[in-house]
Amino acid sequence: MAEISPAAKLAARRIRELRDEQKLTQERLAYLAGLNKGQLSKIERALIEPGIGTLEKIANALGVILAELTVDPVRSDDENRISQIARLRRR
């Protein structure tokens, strides 16, 4: 099984946090995003690495921009920028 990237792990955590804040079930969010519940469950548990299109669908269903799933709100802006730059350099 392939290693899940830190970005996918962060997205998994953020999706779960935002879903819980909005009091949505996995089933409801999956429906709103056009995914199946099993796929969303695996994404939230960081068992699979979602593509950008899937993350966009989830972000839209949650009513947030894509960056909300990829930026850690606990970290400072500078830490987030450094992390984003490091990810881009690895590509």
PDB file of N, CA and C in Angstrom:
ATOM      1  N   MET A   1       0.841  -1.175   0.000  1.00  0.00           N
ATOM      2  CA  MET A   1       0.000   0.000   0.000  1.00  0.00           C
ATOM      3  C   MET A   1       0.892   1.245   0.000  1.00  0.00           C
ATOM      4  N   ALA A   2       0.542   2.214  -0.821  1.00  0.00           N
ATOM      5  CA  ALA A   2       1.346   3.431  -0.951  1.00  0.00           C
ATOM      6  C   ALA A   2       1.231   4.307   0.299  1.00  0.00           C
ATOM      7  N   GLU A   3       2.311   5.014   0.576  1.00  0.00           N
ATOM      8  CA  GLU A   3       2.343   5.947   1.710  1.00  0.00           C
ATOM      9  C   GLU A   3       1.435   7.137   1.417  1.00  0.00           C
ATOM     10  N   ILE A   4       0.642   7.519   2.391  1.00  0.00           N
ATOM     11  CA  ILE A   4      -0.250   8.672   2.252  1.00  0.00           C
ATOM     12  C   ILE A   4       0.535   9.934   2.590  1.00  0.00           C
ATOM     13  N   SER A   5       0.404  10.942   1.745  1.00  0.00           N
ATOM     14  CA  SER A   5       1.170  12.181   1.932  1.00  0.00           C
ATOM     15  C   SER A   5       0.674  12.966   3.145  1.00  0.00           C
ATOM     16  N   PRO A   6       1.552  13.792   3.710  1.00  0.00           N
ATOM     17  CA  PRO A   6       1.132  14.660   4.816  1.00  0.00           C
ATOM     18  C   PRO A   6      -0.028  15.579   4.409  1.00  0.00           C
ATOM     19  N   ALA A   7      -0.046  16.030   3.160  1.00  0.00           N
ATOM     20  CA  ALA A   7      -1.134  16.898   2.685  1.00  0.00           C
ATOM     21  C   ALA A   7      -2.467  16.153   2.712  1.00  0.00           C
ATOM     22  N   ALA A   8      -2.466  14.883   2.317  1.00  0.00           N
ATOM     23  CA  ALA A   8      -3.697  14.086   2.339  1.00  0.00           C
ATOM     24  C   ALA A   8      -4.146  13.826   3.775  1.00  0.00           C
ATOM     25  N   LYS A   9      -3.185  13.630   4.675  1.00  0.00           N
ATOM     26  CA  LYS A   9      -3.531  13.432   6.089  1.00  0.00           C
ATOM     27  C   LYS A   9      -4.146  14.697   6.680  1.00  0.00           C
ATOM     28  N   LEU A  10      -3.590  15.846   6.314  1.00  0.00           N
ATOM     29  CA  LEU A  10      -4.151  17.113   6.775  1.00  0.00           C
ATOM     30  C   LEU A  10      -5.557  17.303   6.209  1.00  0.00           C
ATOM     31  N   ALA A  11      -5.736  17.036   4.925  1.00  0.00           N
ATOM     32  CA  ALA A  11      -7.060  17.171   4.305  1.00  0.00           C
ATOM     33  C   ALA A  11      -8.060  16.247   4.989  1.00  0.00           C
ATOM     34  N   ALA A  12      -7.640  15.037   5.307  1.00  0.00           N
ATOM     35  CA  ALA A  12      -8.518  14.086   5.985  1.00  0.00           C
ATOM     36  C   ALA A  12      -9.014  14.656   7.308  1.00  0.00           C
ATOM     37  N   ARG A  13      -8.077  15.208   8.078  1.00  0.00           N
ATOM     38  CA  ARG A  13      -8.439  15.783   9.375  1.00  0.00           C
ATOM     39  C   ARG A  13      -9.368  16.984   9.214  1.00  0.00           C
ATOM     40  N   ARG A  14      -9.046  17.851   8.256  1.00  0.00           N
ATOM     41  CA  ARG A  14      -9.857  19.061   8.046  1.00  0.00           C
ATOM     42  C   ARG A  14     -11.264  18.719   7.559  1.00  0.00           C
ATOM     43  N   ILE A  15     -11.385  17.729   6.690  1.00  0.00           N
ATOM     44  CA  ILE A  15     -12.712  17.316   6.210  1.00  0.00           C
ATOM     45  C   ILE A  15     -13.550  16.853   7.388  1.00  0.00           C
ATOM     46  N   ARG A  16     -12.976  16.022   8.232  1.00  0.00           N
ATOM     47  CA  ARG A  16     -13.707  15.513   9.398  1.00  0.00           C
ATOM     48  C   ARG A  16     -14.108  16.656  10.333  1.00  0.00           C
ATOM     49  N   GLU A  17     -13.170  17.593  10.592  1.00  0.00           N
ATOM     50  CA  GLU A  17     -13.468  18.725  11.477  1.00  0.00           C
ATOM     51  C   GLU A  17     -14.604  19.580  10.916  1.00  0.00           C
ATOM     52  N   LEU A  18     -14.521  19.901   9.643  1.00  0.00           N
ATOM     53  CA  LEU A  18     -15.554  20.751   9.024  1.00  0.00           C
ATOM     54  C   LEU A  18     -16.896  20.025   8.963  1.00  0.00           C
ATOM     55  N   ARG A  19     -16.855  18.743   8.672  1.00  0.00           N
ATOM     56  CA  ARG A  19     -18.100  17.952   8.626  1.00  0.00           C
ATOM     57  C   ARG A  19     -18.748  17.918  10.004  1.00  0.00           C
ATOM     58  N   ASP A  20     -17.937  17.705  11.034  1.00  0.00           N
ATOM     59  CA  ASP A  20     -18.466  17.685  12.402  1.00  0.00           C
ATOM     60  C   ASP A  20     -19.020  19.049  12.803  1.00  0.00           C
ATOM     61  N   GLU A  21     -18.304  20.130  12.456  1.00  0.00           N
ATOM     62  CA  GLU A  21     -18.778  21.487  12.766  1.00  0.00           C
ATOM     63  C   GLU A  21     -20.152  21.751  12.150  1.00  0.00           C
ATOM     64  N   GLN A  22     -20.356  21.219  10.956  1.00  0.00           N
ATOM     65  CA  GLN A  22     -21.621  21.438  10.255  1.00  0.00           C
ATOM     66  C   GLN A  22     -22.669  20.377  10.580  1.00  0.00           C
ATOM     67  N   LYS A  23     -22.292  19.474  11.482  1.00  0.00           N
ATOM     68  CA  LYS A  23     -23.195  18.408  11.928  1.00  0.00           C
ATOM     69  C   LYS A  23     -23.739  17.581  10.756  1.00  0.00           C
ATOM     70  N   LEU A  24     -22.828  17.267   9.835  1.00  0.00           N
ATOM     71  CA  LEU A  24     -23.182  16.429   8.694  1.00  0.00           C
ATOM     72  C   LEU A  24     -22.716  15.009   8.944  1.00  0.00           C
ATOM     73  N   THR A  25     -23.498  14.043   8.534  1.00  0.00           N
ATOM     74  CA  THR A  25     -23.047  12.654   8.577  1.00  0.00           C
ATOM     75  C   THR A  25     -22.155  12.402   7.370  1.00  0.00           C
ATOM     76  N   GLN A  26     -21.382  11.333   7.426  1.00  0.00           N
ATOM     77  CA  GLN A  26     -20.583  10.965   6.259  1.00  0.00           C
ATOM     78  C   GLN A  26     -21.490  10.700   5.068  1.00  0.00           C
ATOM     79  N   GLU A  27     -22.599  10.056   5.329  1.00  0.00           N
ATOM     80  CA  GLU A  27     -23.534   9.732   4.253  1.00  0.00           C
ATOM     81  C   GLU A  27     -24.048  11.006   3.570  1.00  0.00           C
ATOM     82  N   ARG A  28     -24.404  12.009   4.365  1.00  0.00           N
ATOM     83  CA  ARG A  28     -24.927  13.257   3.803  1.00  0.00           C
ATOM     84  C   ARG A  28     -23.855  14.012   3.019  1.00  0.00           C
ATOM     85  N   LEU A  29     -22.652  14.121   3.593  1.00  0.00           N
ATOM     86  CA  LEU A  29     -21.580  14.816   2.895  1.00  0.00           C
ATOM     87  C   LEU A  29     -21.212  14.080   1.610  1.00  0.00           C
ATOM     88  N   ALA A  30     -21.147  12.779   1.669  1.00  0.00           N
ATOM     89  CA  ALA A  30     -20.835  12.003   0.467  1.00  0.00           C
ATOM     90  C   ALA A  30     -21.868  12.273  -0.617  1.00  0.00           C
ATOM     91  N   TYR A  31     -23.141  12.294  -0.237  1.00  0.00           N
ATOM     92  CA  TYR A  31     -24.212  12.581  -1.196  1.00  0.00           C
ATOM     93  C   TYR A  31     -24.039  13.972  -1.804  1.00  0.00           C
ATOM     94  N   LEU A  32     -23.797  14.969  -0.949  1.00  0.00           N
ATOM     95  CA  LEU A  32     -23.649  16.344  -1.426  1.00  0.00           C
ATOM     96  C   LEU A  32     -22.439  16.499  -2.350  1.00  0.00           C
ATOM     97  N   ALA A  33     -21.395  15.703  -2.103  1.00  0.00           N
ATOM     98  CA  ALA A  33     -20.174  15.791  -2.901  1.00  0.00           C
ATOM     99  C   ALA A  33     -20.198  14.864  -4.122  1.00  0.00           C
ATOM    100  N   GLY A  34     -21.218  14.039  -4.212  1.00  0.00           N
ATOM    101  CA  GLY A  34     -21.299  13.107  -5.334  1.00  0.00           C
ATOM    102  C   GLY A  34     -20.343  11.932  -5.211  1.00  0.00           C
ATOM    103  N   LEU A  35     -20.071  11.541  -3.976  1.00  0.00           N
ATOM    104  CA  LEU A  35     -19.182  10.405  -3.702  1.00  0.00           C
ATOM    105  C   LEU A  35     -19.982   9.313  -3.016  1.00  0.00           C
ATOM    106  N   ASN A  36     -19.380   8.147  -2.864  1.00  0.00           N
ATOM    107  CA  ASN A  36     -20.053   7.145  -2.042  1.00  0.00           C
ATOM    108  C   ASN A  36     -19.484   7.220  -0.627  1.00  0.00           C
ATOM    109  N   LYS A  37     -20.275   6.757   0.319  1.00  0.00           N
ATOM    110  CA  LYS A  37     -19.901   6.877   1.727  1.00  0.00           C
ATOM    111  C   LYS A  37     -18.593   6.157   2.035  1.00  0.00           C
ATOM    112  N   GLY A  38     -18.377   5.015   1.435  1.00  0.00           N
ATOM    113  CA  GLY A  38     -17.150   4.260   1.669  1.00  0.00           C
ATOM    114  C   GLY A  38     -15.916   5.034   1.234  1.00  0.00           C
ATOM    115  N   GLN A  39     -16.015   5.712   0.096  1.00  0.00           N
ATOM    116  CA  GLN A  39     -14.891   6.509  -0.393  1.00  0.00           C
ATOM    117  C   GLN A  39     -14.597   7.659   0.569  1.00  0.00           C
ATOM    118  N   LEU A  40     -15.645   8.365   1.007  1.00  0.00           N
ATOM    119  CA  LEU A  40     -15.454   9.469   1.944  1.00  0.00           C
ATOM    120  C   LEU A  40     -14.863   8.967   3.257  1.00  0.00           C
ATOM    121  N   SER A  41     -15.326   7.833   3.726  1.00  0.00           N
ATOM    122  CA  SER A  41     -14.800   7.258   4.962  1.00  0.00           C
ATOM    123  C   SER A  41     -13.301   6.983   4.840  1.00  0.00           C
ATOM    124  N   LYS A  42     -12.883   6.420   3.719  1.00  0.00           N
ATOM    125  CA  LYS A  42     -11.462   6.135   3.508  1.00  0.00           C
ATOM    126  C   LYS A  42     -10.646   7.419   3.414  1.00  0.00           C
ATOM    127  N   ILE A  43     -11.212   8.454   2.812  1.00  0.00           N
ATOM    128  CA  ILE A  43     -10.520   9.742   2.728  1.00  0.00           C
ATOM    129  C   ILE A  43     -10.340  10.320   4.125  1.00  0.00           C
ATOM    130  N   GLU A  44     -11.403  10.310   4.927  1.00  0.00           N
ATOM    131  CA  GLU A  44     -11.343  10.859   6.285  1.00  0.00           C
ATOM    132  C   GLU A  44     -10.379  10.092   7.185  1.00  0.00           C
ATOM    133  N   ARG A  45     -10.207   8.826   6.920  1.00  0.00           N
ATOM    134  CA  ARG A  45      -9.286   8.014   7.733  1.00  0.00           C
ATOM    135  C   ARG A  45      -7.884   7.974   7.127  1.00  0.00           C
ATOM    136  N   ALA A  46      -7.681   8.759   6.074  1.00  0.00           N
ATOM    137  CA  ALA A  46      -6.394   8.844   5.375  1.00  0.00           C
ATOM    138  C   ALA A  46      -5.920   7.469   4.906  1.00  0.00           C
ATOM    139  N   LEU A  47      -6.851   6.688   4.389  1.00  0.00           N
ATOM    140  CA  LEU A  47      -6.501   5.380   3.836  1.00  0.00           C
ATOM    141  C   LEU A  47      -6.265   5.465   2.336  1.00  0.00           C
ATOM    142  N   ILE A  48      -6.843   6.489   1.707  1.00  0.00           N
ATOM    143  CA  ILE A  48      -6.613   6.732   0.285  1.00  0.00           C
ATOM    144  C   ILE A  48      -6.270   8.203   0.101  1.00  0.00           C
ATOM    145  N   GLU A  49      -5.569   8.488  -0.969  1.00  0.00           N
ATOM    146  CA  GLU A  49      -5.156   9.850  -1.282  1.00  0.00           C
ATOM    147  C   GLU A  49      -6.115  10.400  -2.340  1.00  0.00           C
ATOM    148  N   PRO A  50      -6.967  11.351  -1.968  1.00  0.00           N
ATOM    149  CA  PRO A  50      -7.943  11.863  -2.934  1.00  0.00           C
ATOM    150  C   PRO A  50      -7.285  12.763  -3.970  1.00  0.00           C
ATOM    151  N   GLY A  51      -7.829  12.750  -5.167  1.00  0.00           N
ATOM    152  CA  GLY A  51      -7.358  13.653  -6.212  1.00  0.00           C
ATOM    153  C   GLY A  51      -7.888  15.057  -5.969  1.00  0.00           C
ATOM    154  N   ILE A  52      -7.347  16.003  -6.699  1.00  0.00           N
ATOM    155  CA  ILE A  52      -7.748  17.393  -6.544  1.00  0.00           C
ATOM    156  C   ILE A  52      -9.232  17.576  -6.877  1.00  0.00           C
ATOM    157  N   GLY A  53      -9.718  16.870  -7.870  1.00  0.00           N
ATOM    158  CA  GLY A  53     -11.134  16.967  -8.239  1.00  0.00           C
ATOM    159  C   GLY A  53     -12.045  16.508  -7.112  1.00  0.00           C
ATOM    160  N   THR A  54     -11.654  15.432  -6.447  1.00  0.00           N
ATOM    161  CA  THR A  54     -12.438  14.920  -5.317  1.00  0.00           C
ATOM    162  C   THR A  54     -12.414  15.914  -4.165  1.00  0.00           C
ATOM    163  N   LEU A  55     -11.250  16.492  -3.891  1.00  0.00           N
ATOM    164  CA  LEU A  55     -11.165  17.487  -2.819  1.00  0.00           C
ATOM    165  C   LEU A  55     -12.013  18.717  -3.149  1.00  0.00           C
ATOM    166  N   GLU A  56     -12.043  19.110  -4.415  1.00  0.00           N
ATOM    167  CA  GLU A  56     -12.878  20.251  -4.813  1.00  0.00           C
ATOM    168  C   GLU A  56     -14.359  19.943  -4.586  1.00  0.00           C
ATOM    169  N   LYS A  57     -14.778  18.733  -4.921  1.00  0.00           N
ATOM    170  CA  LYS A  57     -16.178  18.338  -4.690  1.00  0.00           C
ATOM    171  C   LYS A  57     -16.521  18.394  -3.206  1.00  0.00           C
ATOM    172  N   ILE A  58     -15.615  17.890  -2.377  1.00  0.00           N
ATOM    173  CA  ILE A  58     -15.854  17.896  -0.931  1.00  0.00           C
ATOM    174  C   ILE A  58     -15.889  19.321  -0.401  1.00  0.00           C
ATOM    175  N   ALA A  59     -14.932  20.149  -0.840  1.00  0.00           N
ATOM    176  CA  ALA A  59     -14.897  21.551  -0.403  1.00  0.00           C
ATOM    177  C   ALA A  59     -16.198  22.258  -0.798  1.00  0.00           C
ATOM    178  N   ASN A  60     -16.635  22.063  -2.028  1.00  0.00           N
ATOM    179  CA  ASN A  60     -17.888  22.686  -2.484  1.00  0.00           C
ATOM    180  C   ASN A  60     -19.075  22.212  -1.647  1.00  0.00           C
ATOM    181  N   ALA A  61     -19.113  20.925  -1.351  1.00  0.00           N
ATOM    182  CA  ALA A  61     -20.214  20.380  -0.549  1.00  0.00           C
ATOM    183  C   ALA A  61     -20.199  20.951   0.866  1.00  0.00           C
ATOM    184  N   LEU A  62     -19.012  21.259   1.375  1.00  0.00           N
ATOM    185  CA  LEU A  62     -18.887  21.842   2.714  1.00  0.00           C
ATOM    186  C   LEU A  62     -19.060  23.365   2.690  1.00  0.00           C
ATOM    187  N   GLY A  63     -19.094  23.939   1.492  1.00  0.00           N
ATOM    188  CA  GLY A  63     -19.262  25.389   1.376  1.00  0.00           C
ATOM    189  C   GLY A  63     -18.009  26.168   1.717  1.00  0.00           C
ATOM    190  N   VAL A  64     -16.850  25.557   1.454  1.00  0.00           N
ATOM    191  CA  VAL A  64     -15.576  26.215   1.730  1.00  0.00           C
ATOM    192  C   VAL A  64     -14.714  26.188   0.469  1.00  0.00           C
ATOM    193  N   ILE A  65     -13.654  26.997   0.478  1.00  0.00           N
ATOM    194  CA  ILE A  65     -12.719  26.940  -0.634  1.00  0.00           C
ATOM    195  C   ILE A  65     -11.746  25.791  -0.401  1.00  0.00           C
ATOM    196  N   LEU A  66     -11.130  25.345  -1.471  1.00  0.00           N
ATOM    197  CA  LEU A  66     -10.227  24.199  -1.396  1.00  0.00           C
ATOM    198  C   LEU A  66      -9.125  24.396  -0.355  1.00  0.00           C
ATOM    199  N   ALA A  67      -8.626  25.606  -0.237  1.00  0.00           N
ATOM    200  CA  ALA A  67      -7.547  25.884   0.727  1.00  0.00           C
ATOM    201  C   ALA A  67      -7.945  25.536   2.158  1.00  0.00           C
ATOM    202  N   GLU A  68      -9.222  25.596   2.471  1.00  0.00           N
ATOM    203  CA  GLU A  68      -9.678  25.246   3.826  1.00  0.00           C
ATOM    204  C   GLU A  68      -9.361  23.789   4.174  1.00  0.00           C
ATOM    205  N   LEU A  69      -9.214  22.968   3.150  1.00  0.00           N
ATOM    206  CA  LEU A  69      -8.907  21.553   3.393  1.00  0.00           C
ATOM    207  C   LEU A  69      -7.410  21.287   3.431  1.00  0.00           C
ATOM    208  N   THR A  70      -6.621  22.246   2.961  1.00  0.00           N
ATOM    209  CA  THR A  70      -5.188  21.995   2.821  1.00  0.00           C
ATOM    210  C   THR A  70      -4.315  22.881   3.700  1.00  0.00           C
ATOM    211  N   VAL A  71      -4.931  23.771   4.463  1.00  0.00           N
ATOM    212  CA  VAL A  71      -4.181  24.651   5.351  1.00  0.00           C
ATOM    213  C   VAL A  71      -4.593  24.359   6.788  1.00  0.00           C
ATOM    214  N   ASP A  72      -3.607  24.203   7.640  1.00  0.00           N
ATOM    215  CA  ASP A  72      -3.861  23.898   9.046  1.00  0.00           C
ATOM    216  C   ASP A  72      -4.156  25.197   9.798  1.00  0.00           C
ATOM    217  N   PRO A  73      -5.383  25.380  10.292  1.00  0.00           N
ATOM    218  CA  PRO A  73      -5.724  26.635  10.966  1.00  0.00           C
ATOM    219  C   PRO A  73      -4.991  26.840  12.293  1.00  0.00           C
ATOM    220  N   VAL A  74      -4.415  25.779  12.842  1.00  0.00           N
ATOM    221  CA  VAL A  74      -3.700  25.869  14.113  1.00  0.00           C
ATOM    222  C   VAL A  74      -2.305  26.460  13.903  1.00  0.00           C
ATOM    223  N   ARG A  75      -1.738  26.245  12.740  1.00  0.00           N
ATOM    224  CA  ARG A  75      -0.398  26.744  12.432  1.00  0.00           C
ATOM    225  C   ARG A  75      -0.478  28.214  12.039  1.00  0.00           C
ATOM    226  N   SER A  76       0.618  28.913  12.206  1.00  0.00           N
ATOM    227  CA  SER A  76       0.665  30.320  11.820  1.00  0.00           C
ATOM    228  C   SER A  76       0.663  30.440  10.302  1.00  0.00           C
ATOM    229  N   ASP A  77       0.358  31.619   9.807  1.00  0.00           N
ATOM    230  CA  ASP A  77       0.376  31.865   8.368  1.00  0.00           C
ATOM    231  C   ASP A  77       1.751  31.572   7.783  1.00  0.00           C
ATOM    232  N   ASP A  78       2.800  31.969   8.492  1.00  0.00           N
ATOM    233  CA  ASP A  78       4.157  31.725   7.997  1.00  0.00           C
ATOM    234  C   ASP A  78       4.449  30.230   7.904  1.00  0.00           C
ATOM    235  N   GLU A  79       4.038  29.472   8.903  1.00  0.00           N
ATOM    236  CA  GLU A  79       4.263  28.025   8.879  1.00  0.00           C
ATOM    237  C   GLU A  79       3.512  27.390   7.716  1.00  0.00           C
ATOM    238  N   ASN A  80       2.277  27.860   7.466  1.00  0.00           N
ATOM    239  CA  ASN A  80       1.497  27.323   6.362  1.00  0.00           C
ATOM    240  C   ASN A  80       2.148  27.653   5.019  1.00  0.00           C
ATOM    241  N   ARG A  81       2.635  28.868   4.866  1.00  0.00           N
ATOM    242  CA  ARG A  81       3.296  29.255   3.607  1.00  0.00           C
ATOM    243  C   ARG A  81       4.546  28.410   3.371  1.00  0.00           C
ATOM    244  N   ILE A  82       5.335  28.218   4.411  1.00  0.00           N
ATOM    245  CA  ILE A  82       6.551  27.407   4.289  1.00  0.00           C
ATOM    246  C   ILE A  82       6.192  25.980   3.888  1.00  0.00           C
ATOM    247  N   SER A  83       5.166  25.439   4.510  1.00  0.00           N
ATOM    248  CA  SER A  83       4.717  24.082   4.198  1.00  0.00           C
ATOM    249  C   SER A  83       4.246  23.985   2.751  1.00  0.00           C
ATOM    250  N   GLN A  84       3.487  24.968   2.282  1.00  0.00           N
ATOM    251  CA  GLN A  84       3.004  24.968   0.905  1.00  0.00           C
ATOM    252  C   GLN A  84       4.162  25.053  -0.080  1.00  0.00           C
ATOM    253  N   ILE A  85       5.135  25.900   0.196  1.00  0.00           N
ATOM    254  CA  ILE A  85       6.296  26.034  -0.680  1.00  0.00           C
ATOM    255  C   ILE A  85       7.075  24.725  -0.730  1.00  0.00           C
ATOM    256  N   ALA A  86       7.254  24.083   0.409  1.00  0.00           N
ATOM    257  CA  ALA A  86       7.967  22.799   0.452  1.00  0.00           C
ATOM    258  C   ALA A  86       7.246  21.760  -0.374  1.00  0.00           C
ATOM    259  N   ARG A  87       5.901  21.705  -0.302  1.00  0.00           N
ATOM    260  CA  ARG A  87       5.135  20.746  -1.094  1.00  0.00           C
ATOM    261  C   ARG A  87       5.321  21.009  -2.583  1.00  0.00           C
ATOM    262  N   LEU A  88       5.301  22.275  -2.978  1.00  0.00           N
ATOM    263  CA  LEU A  88       5.453  22.618  -4.394  1.00  0.00           C
ATOM    264  C   LEU A  88       6.840  22.233  -4.903  1.00  0.00           C
ATOM    265  N   ARG A  89       7.852  22.410  -4.082  1.00  0.00           N
ATOM    266  CA  ARG A  89       9.223  22.072  -4.492  1.00  0.00           C
ATOM    267  C   ARG A  89       9.393  20.577  -4.685  1.00  0.00           C
ATOM    268  N   ARG A  90       8.634  19.764  -3.965  1.00  0.00           N
ATOM    269  CA  ARG A  90       8.753  18.299  -4.079  1.00  0.00           C
ATOM    270  C   ARG A  90       8.118  17.793  -5.363  1.00  0.00           C
ATOM    271  N   ARG A  91       7.288  18.572  -6.005  1.00  0.00           N
ATOM    272  CA  ARG A  91       6.578  18.120  -7.219  1.00  0.00           C
ATOM    273  C   ARG A  91       7.459  18.096  -8.415  1.00  0.00           C
TER     274      ARG A  91
END
